[in-house]
């Protein structure tokens, strides 16, 4: 049995309660050419928290809107007829 994640009592350690890192959405989040661009700083916990806080609205919609746009673009390109490569 692997015990790397257990403490000296054989229990899983409890997460440390930490305050939320400061956010500045105007400076840390933007849309560029259809992509979500986030600027994160701090340790892995803080970056994960910032990522979730900045993109919570986009994550709630899921990947389907982006996939639908991709499929529409592929169909549009394929229906425009054969292409000549020059």
N, C-alpha and C. Protein backbone atom coordinates (compact mmCIF):
# COMPACT_ATOMS: atom_id res chain seq x y z
N UNK A 1 0.84 -1.18 0.00
CA UNK A 1 0.00 0.00 0.00
C UNK A 1 0.88 1.25 0.00
N UNK A 2 0.58 2.15 -0.85
CA UNK A 2 1.38 3.38 -0.95
C UNK A 2 0.93 4.39 0.10
N UNK A 3 1.85 4.89 0.90
CA UNK A 3 1.51 5.79 1.99
C UNK A 3 2.12 7.18 1.82
N UNK A 4 2.46 7.55 0.62
CA UNK A 4 3.13 8.83 0.40
C UNK A 4 2.26 10.02 0.79
N UNK A 5 0.96 9.88 0.71
CA UNK A 5 0.07 11.00 0.98
C UNK A 5 -0.48 11.01 2.40
N UNK A 6 -0.09 10.05 3.22
CA UNK A 6 -0.60 9.97 4.58
C UNK A 6 0.36 10.67 5.54
N UNK A 7 -0.17 11.25 6.60
CA UNK A 7 0.69 11.88 7.60
C UNK A 7 1.18 10.83 8.60
N UNK A 8 1.84 11.26 9.66
CA UNK A 8 2.44 10.34 10.62
C UNK A 8 1.40 9.51 11.37
N UNK A 9 0.14 9.97 11.41
CA UNK A 9 -0.92 9.22 12.08
C UNK A 9 -1.62 8.25 11.12
N UNK A 10 -1.19 8.22 9.85
CA UNK A 10 -1.83 7.36 8.87
C UNK A 10 -3.09 7.96 8.29
N UNK A 11 -3.29 9.25 8.47
CA UNK A 11 -4.48 9.96 7.97
C UNK A 11 -4.07 10.88 6.83
N UNK A 12 -5.05 11.20 5.98
CA UNK A 12 -4.80 12.18 4.95
C UNK A 12 -4.72 13.56 5.60
N UNK A 13 -3.73 14.37 5.21
CA UNK A 13 -3.64 15.71 5.81
C UNK A 13 -4.81 16.59 5.38
N UNK A 14 -5.23 17.44 6.28
CA UNK A 14 -6.32 18.36 5.95
C UNK A 14 -5.77 19.56 5.19
N UNK A 15 -6.53 20.10 4.25
CA UNK A 15 -6.02 21.25 3.51
C UNK A 15 -5.91 22.47 4.41
N UNK A 16 -4.94 23.28 4.14
CA UNK A 16 -4.73 24.51 4.90
C UNK A 16 -5.67 25.58 4.36
N UNK A 17 -6.38 26.22 5.26
CA UNK A 17 -7.26 27.31 4.83
C UNK A 17 -6.41 28.53 4.53
N UNK A 18 -6.55 29.04 3.33
CA UNK A 18 -5.80 30.22 2.94
C UNK A 18 -6.76 31.26 2.39
N UNK A 19 -6.45 32.53 2.57
CA UNK A 19 -7.30 33.56 1.96
C UNK A 19 -7.13 33.56 0.45
N UNK A 20 -8.14 34.00 -0.24
CA UNK A 20 -8.08 34.07 -1.70
C UNK A 20 -7.05 35.11 -2.13
N UNK A 21 -6.25 34.79 -3.14
CA UNK A 21 -5.28 35.77 -3.61
C UNK A 21 -5.99 36.94 -4.29
N UNK A 22 -5.36 38.11 -4.31
CA UNK A 22 -6.00 39.28 -4.93
C UNK A 22 -6.16 39.08 -6.44
N UNK A 23 -7.25 39.60 -6.97
CA UNK A 23 -7.52 39.51 -8.41
C UNK A 23 -7.67 40.90 -8.99
N UNK A 24 -7.21 41.05 -10.21
CA UNK A 24 -7.44 42.26 -10.98
C UNK A 24 -7.87 41.81 -12.37
N UNK A 25 -9.16 41.46 -12.56
CA UNK A 25 -9.60 40.88 -13.83
C UNK A 25 -9.28 41.74 -15.04
N UNK A 26 -9.31 43.05 -14.90
CA UNK A 26 -9.03 43.92 -16.05
C UNK A 26 -7.59 43.73 -16.54
N UNK A 27 -6.68 43.40 -15.63
CA UNK A 27 -5.28 43.23 -16.01
C UNK A 27 -4.90 41.78 -16.25
N UNK A 28 -5.64 40.84 -15.65
CA UNK A 28 -5.25 39.45 -15.71
C UNK A 28 -6.00 38.63 -16.76
N UNK A 29 -7.08 39.16 -17.33
CA UNK A 29 -7.89 38.37 -18.26
C UNK A 29 -8.26 39.21 -19.47
N UNK A 30 -8.12 38.60 -20.64
CA UNK A 30 -8.58 39.24 -21.86
C UNK A 30 -8.90 38.17 -22.89
N UNK A 31 -9.67 38.54 -23.88
CA UNK A 31 -9.95 37.66 -25.01
C UNK A 31 -9.10 38.14 -26.17
N UNK A 32 -8.41 37.22 -26.83
CA UNK A 32 -7.56 37.58 -27.95
C UNK A 32 -7.78 36.54 -29.05
N UNK A 33 -8.30 36.98 -30.18
CA UNK A 33 -8.55 36.11 -31.34
C UNK A 33 -9.37 34.88 -30.94
N UNK A 34 -10.35 35.07 -30.06
CA UNK A 34 -11.21 33.98 -29.64
C UNK A 34 -10.67 33.12 -28.51
N UNK A 35 -9.46 33.41 -28.05
CA UNK A 35 -8.87 32.64 -26.96
C UNK A 35 -8.98 33.41 -25.65
N UNK A 36 -9.09 32.66 -24.57
CA UNK A 36 -9.05 33.26 -23.23
C UNK A 36 -7.57 33.36 -22.84
N UNK A 37 -7.11 34.56 -22.52
CA UNK A 37 -5.73 34.76 -22.11
C UNK A 37 -5.74 35.22 -20.66
N UNK A 38 -5.10 34.45 -19.79
CA UNK A 38 -5.04 34.81 -18.37
C UNK A 38 -3.58 34.94 -17.96
N UNK A 39 -3.32 35.91 -17.11
CA UNK A 39 -1.98 36.12 -16.56
C UNK A 39 -2.04 35.77 -15.07
N UNK A 40 -1.31 34.72 -14.71
CA UNK A 40 -1.36 34.20 -13.35
C UNK A 40 -0.02 34.40 -12.66
N UNK A 41 -0.06 34.49 -11.35
CA UNK A 41 1.16 34.64 -10.56
C UNK A 41 0.96 33.94 -9.22
N UNK A 42 2.07 33.57 -8.59
CA UNK A 42 2.00 32.95 -7.28
C UNK A 42 2.38 31.49 -7.32
N UNK A 43 2.08 30.80 -6.22
CA UNK A 43 2.37 29.36 -6.15
C UNK A 43 1.26 28.59 -6.87
N UNK A 44 1.40 27.28 -7.03
CA UNK A 44 0.40 26.51 -7.76
C UNK A 44 -1.03 26.67 -7.21
N UNK A 45 -1.18 26.73 -5.90
CA UNK A 45 -2.51 26.92 -5.31
C UNK A 45 -3.11 28.25 -5.76
N UNK A 46 -2.33 29.32 -5.65
CA UNK A 46 -2.83 30.65 -6.02
C UNK A 46 -3.14 30.73 -7.51
N UNK A 47 -2.29 30.14 -8.34
CA UNK A 47 -2.55 30.16 -9.78
C UNK A 47 -3.81 29.38 -10.13
N UNK A 48 -4.01 28.24 -9.47
CA UNK A 48 -5.23 27.47 -9.70
C UNK A 48 -6.46 28.24 -9.29
N UNK A 49 -6.39 28.92 -8.16
CA UNK A 49 -7.52 29.71 -7.68
C UNK A 49 -7.82 30.84 -8.65
N UNK A 50 -6.77 31.54 -9.10
CA UNK A 50 -6.95 32.65 -10.04
C UNK A 50 -7.55 32.14 -11.35
N UNK A 51 -7.06 31.00 -11.85
CA UNK A 51 -7.57 30.43 -13.09
C UNK A 51 -9.06 30.15 -12.99
N UNK A 52 -9.47 29.52 -11.90
CA UNK A 52 -10.88 29.21 -11.72
C UNK A 52 -11.73 30.46 -11.55
N UNK A 53 -11.24 31.44 -10.80
CA UNK A 53 -12.01 32.66 -10.55
C UNK A 53 -12.14 33.49 -11.82
N UNK A 54 -11.08 33.57 -12.62
CA UNK A 54 -11.13 34.38 -13.83
C UNK A 54 -11.95 33.74 -14.94
N UNK A 55 -11.96 32.42 -14.99
CA UNK A 55 -12.64 31.73 -16.10
C UNK A 55 -13.91 31.01 -15.68
N UNK A 56 -14.45 31.33 -14.49
CA UNK A 56 -15.62 30.59 -14.01
C UNK A 56 -16.81 30.69 -14.96
N UNK A 57 -17.03 31.85 -15.57
CA UNK A 57 -18.15 32.00 -16.49
C UNK A 57 -17.94 31.19 -17.77
N UNK A 58 -16.72 31.21 -18.29
CA UNK A 58 -16.42 30.46 -19.51
C UNK A 58 -16.47 28.95 -19.24
N UNK A 59 -16.00 28.52 -18.07
CA UNK A 59 -16.03 27.09 -17.76
C UNK A 59 -17.45 26.59 -17.55
N UNK A 60 -18.33 27.45 -17.08
CA UNK A 60 -19.73 27.04 -16.87
C UNK A 60 -20.40 26.69 -18.19
N UNK A 61 -20.02 27.38 -19.27
CA UNK A 61 -20.59 27.10 -20.59
C UNK A 61 -19.98 25.85 -21.19
N UNK A 62 -18.78 25.50 -20.79
CA UNK A 62 -18.12 24.31 -21.29
C UNK A 62 -17.53 24.51 -22.67
N UNK A 63 -16.99 23.45 -23.26
CA UNK A 63 -16.31 23.57 -24.56
C UNK A 63 -17.24 23.55 -25.77
N UNK A 64 -18.53 23.29 -25.59
CA UNK A 64 -19.41 23.14 -26.74
C UNK A 64 -19.54 24.38 -27.61
N UNK A 65 -19.65 25.61 -27.05
CA UNK A 65 -19.73 26.77 -27.95
C UNK A 65 -18.50 26.91 -28.85
N UNK A 66 -17.32 26.68 -28.32
CA UNK A 66 -16.10 26.76 -29.13
C UNK A 66 -16.08 25.66 -30.17
N UNK A 67 -16.50 24.46 -29.80
CA UNK A 67 -16.52 23.35 -30.74
C UNK A 67 -17.54 23.60 -31.85
N UNK A 68 -18.68 24.18 -31.51
CA UNK A 68 -19.70 24.49 -32.52
C UNK A 68 -19.15 25.49 -33.54
N UNK A 69 -18.43 26.50 -33.08
CA UNK A 69 -17.83 27.46 -34.01
C UNK A 69 -16.79 26.78 -34.90
N UNK A 70 -16.03 25.86 -34.34
CA UNK A 70 -15.02 25.13 -35.12
C UNK A 70 -15.69 24.29 -36.21
N UNK A 71 -16.73 23.57 -35.85
CA UNK A 71 -17.43 22.74 -36.84
C UNK A 71 -18.04 23.61 -37.93
N UNK A 72 -18.65 24.73 -37.57
CA UNK A 72 -19.24 25.63 -38.56
C UNK A 72 -18.17 26.12 -39.53
N UNK A 73 -16.99 26.44 -39.02
CA UNK A 73 -15.90 26.92 -39.87
C UNK A 73 -15.42 25.81 -40.80
N UNK A 74 -15.29 24.60 -40.31
CA UNK A 74 -14.86 23.48 -41.15
C UNK A 74 -15.88 23.22 -42.25
N UNK A 75 -17.16 23.24 -41.91
CA UNK A 75 -18.20 23.02 -42.90
C UNK A 75 -18.18 24.13 -43.95
N UNK A 76 -18.00 25.36 -43.49
CA UNK A 76 -17.93 26.49 -44.42
C UNK A 76 -16.77 26.34 -45.39
N UNK A 77 -15.62 25.94 -44.89
CA UNK A 77 -14.45 25.77 -45.75
C UNK A 77 -14.62 24.60 -46.71
N UNK A 78 -15.22 23.52 -46.24
CA UNK A 78 -15.36 22.34 -47.09
C UNK A 78 -16.44 22.54 -48.15
N UNK A 79 -17.40 23.42 -47.90
CA UNK A 79 -18.47 23.62 -48.88
C UNK A 79 -18.11 24.70 -49.91
N UNK A 80 -16.97 25.33 -49.77
CA UNK A 80 -16.59 26.37 -50.72
C UNK A 80 -15.95 25.79 -51.98
N UNK A 81 -15.95 24.47 -52.11
CA UNK A 81 -15.43 23.84 -53.31
C UNK A 81 -13.98 23.46 -53.19
N UNK A 82 -13.47 22.83 -54.24
CA UNK A 82 -12.07 22.39 -54.18
C UNK A 82 -11.12 23.59 -54.15
N UNK A 83 -10.01 23.39 -53.49
CA UNK A 83 -9.01 24.45 -53.40
C UNK A 83 -7.84 24.12 -54.34
N UNK A 84 -7.28 25.14 -54.87
CA UNK A 84 -6.08 24.96 -55.69
C UNK A 84 -4.89 25.42 -54.88
N UNK A 85 -3.94 24.54 -54.77
CA UNK A 85 -2.73 24.87 -54.04
C UNK A 85 -1.70 25.34 -55.05
N UNK A 86 -1.25 26.55 -54.88
CA UNK A 86 -0.31 27.10 -55.85
C UNK A 86 1.01 27.39 -55.20
